[in-house]
Amino acid sequence: MKKIVMKFGGTSVATGENIRHVADLVTLNAKNDCRVAVVISALAGVTNELIEIAEQAKKSDEKHIQAFTKELLGNHLAVISTAITSKQIQKEVTQVTEKTMVELEKVLTGICYVGELTPKSKDYVLSFGERLSAPIVWGAIKDRKLETQCFTGKEAGIVTDSNFGEADPLMNFTTHLIRERLGPLIEKGVIPVVTGYIAANQDGIVTTVGRGGSDYTATILGVALGVDEVWIWTDVDGIMTTDPKIVPSAKMLPQLSYQEAAEMAIFGAKAMHPRALEPVIKENIPVRIRNIFHPENEGTLITKEPNAKVTEVVKAVAMIKDVAMLNVNGAGMVGAPGSYAKVFDVLGKNNINVMMISTAASEANISMIIRRGLLGRAISNLEIALLDRGGLVSEVTAEDDVAVIAVMGANMKGTLGVASKIFTTVAKKGINIRMIAQGSSELNISFVVKEKDGEAVVRAIHEEFNLDKI
């Protein structure tokens, strides 16, 4: 009998009607000789609201917090009344929701009194989004006369380190606990409904596995339970050859390798969380991206090997906006061991992630791509730490009007002339390339252009490699 983990994102559970649709999909598969476990995200927009209120609570008052929780409770109660028809189940879910909301109000009031938001308390606040949505989905499934139980990620057995906000699961311990707690239920046909995103450290303190981490929860469960496939239900048909807003003729990719999907997730394919593939790669469990609004579509299947029948060299092209290029120059870096390490040490200590790097063979220049919002912090800290310190760095400059173009495909590896074709296509458009990077995997060539030219470059490459014919 087939075992599946189904993860439903925020859009999938945005309204009561959507949750009824989720319950119908779960019921359909459960009655079709499938054993199903369900992972649920917070209702659309709720996590952002919780981040905002958590920050505001430091300098807010009790009345503001009470107004927020009252409105949030009202929104969830409205969803409950639409999603669940049975008055008894409605009552059960409402009681759980009200109790959870009282707890949230107490936590926010505590932050208000202390005037401080720690990473630990922030994780606790953010956990309430999923803790409020999962019982509603559980109620909607129960409404369909199916046996089901609701769990937080902590209750299900997901144990992580204490890196609040971006915790890493302790997979051996987690696998043991999940098998012990959820395994027997699934074998009996009971449907576990588990909160995405939430876990706990070894002391039982709530942690989260990073934004978009419900995908990660789903793949962790999939590995622990030894399922046949993990299905990520979202609001797109699958992973596309490019953003359909830029190229309306963009096509859905029916199959990708783990490596290709990971590259695309990192470069902004909204269908997947970049870290979510780590657990399934080791166990070779397929992941399928499906559209909740078009369930008849099989979506994109992600497996160990790319589809042997597909011969396309390039499969997708992506553009990342909201980035900036940081240039560090200095003759003092030439031949000086550890000079680059000093640059990265400054950025790392200030929580600035470097997305892309390119250096000159002369060693006198290093160019990096970082998030645009972090540019001011990066420049000021590099200047304070490195300028005029023994002449190592003489200049730190930046460009904040750039975009990264990433061209991806497993068949690029070992194929001659791909880079030449890409750069010739860009040159024909009269567009200048500001920076280039390619890893040894050869799965992806990334380069930087002015942001105003980004969409034109994406369209030109999409057309040159006939991606609308895939």
Foldseek 3Di string as FASTA:
>chain_A
DFEEEEEEEQVCLQALVSLLLVLVVVVVQLVVPYQYAYEYEFHPPVLVVLLVLLLCLLADALVVLVVVLVVVLVRLLNSLVSNAPDPVLSVVLNVQLVVLSVVLSVLSNVSNVVSDDDLLSSLVSSQSRLSSRQSSSQSSNVSVVFAEDEEEQARLQFAFAPPAQATDTPLVRSLVSNCVRPVVCSVVSYYYYYYFQWHYHPVRRIGGNHPVRRLQSQLSSCLSNVGQEYEYEDADAAFWQEPCVLPVLIDFAAEEELVQVLVVCLQPRVQHPNVNCVNCQVVFHKYFYHYSVCNVRRYYIYTHDTDPVDQQQWQHKYKAAQKKKKKWFFLLQFPDPCLVVQLVVLCVVVVWDWDFWDADPRRGMIMTMTGLVCVVVSVVSCCVRPDPPVRNTPDMDMDRQKMKMKIFDQNQVPDPPPVVLLVVLCVVVVWDWDAWDDDPSSGMIMTMTGNVCVSVSRVSVCVSSVNSVD
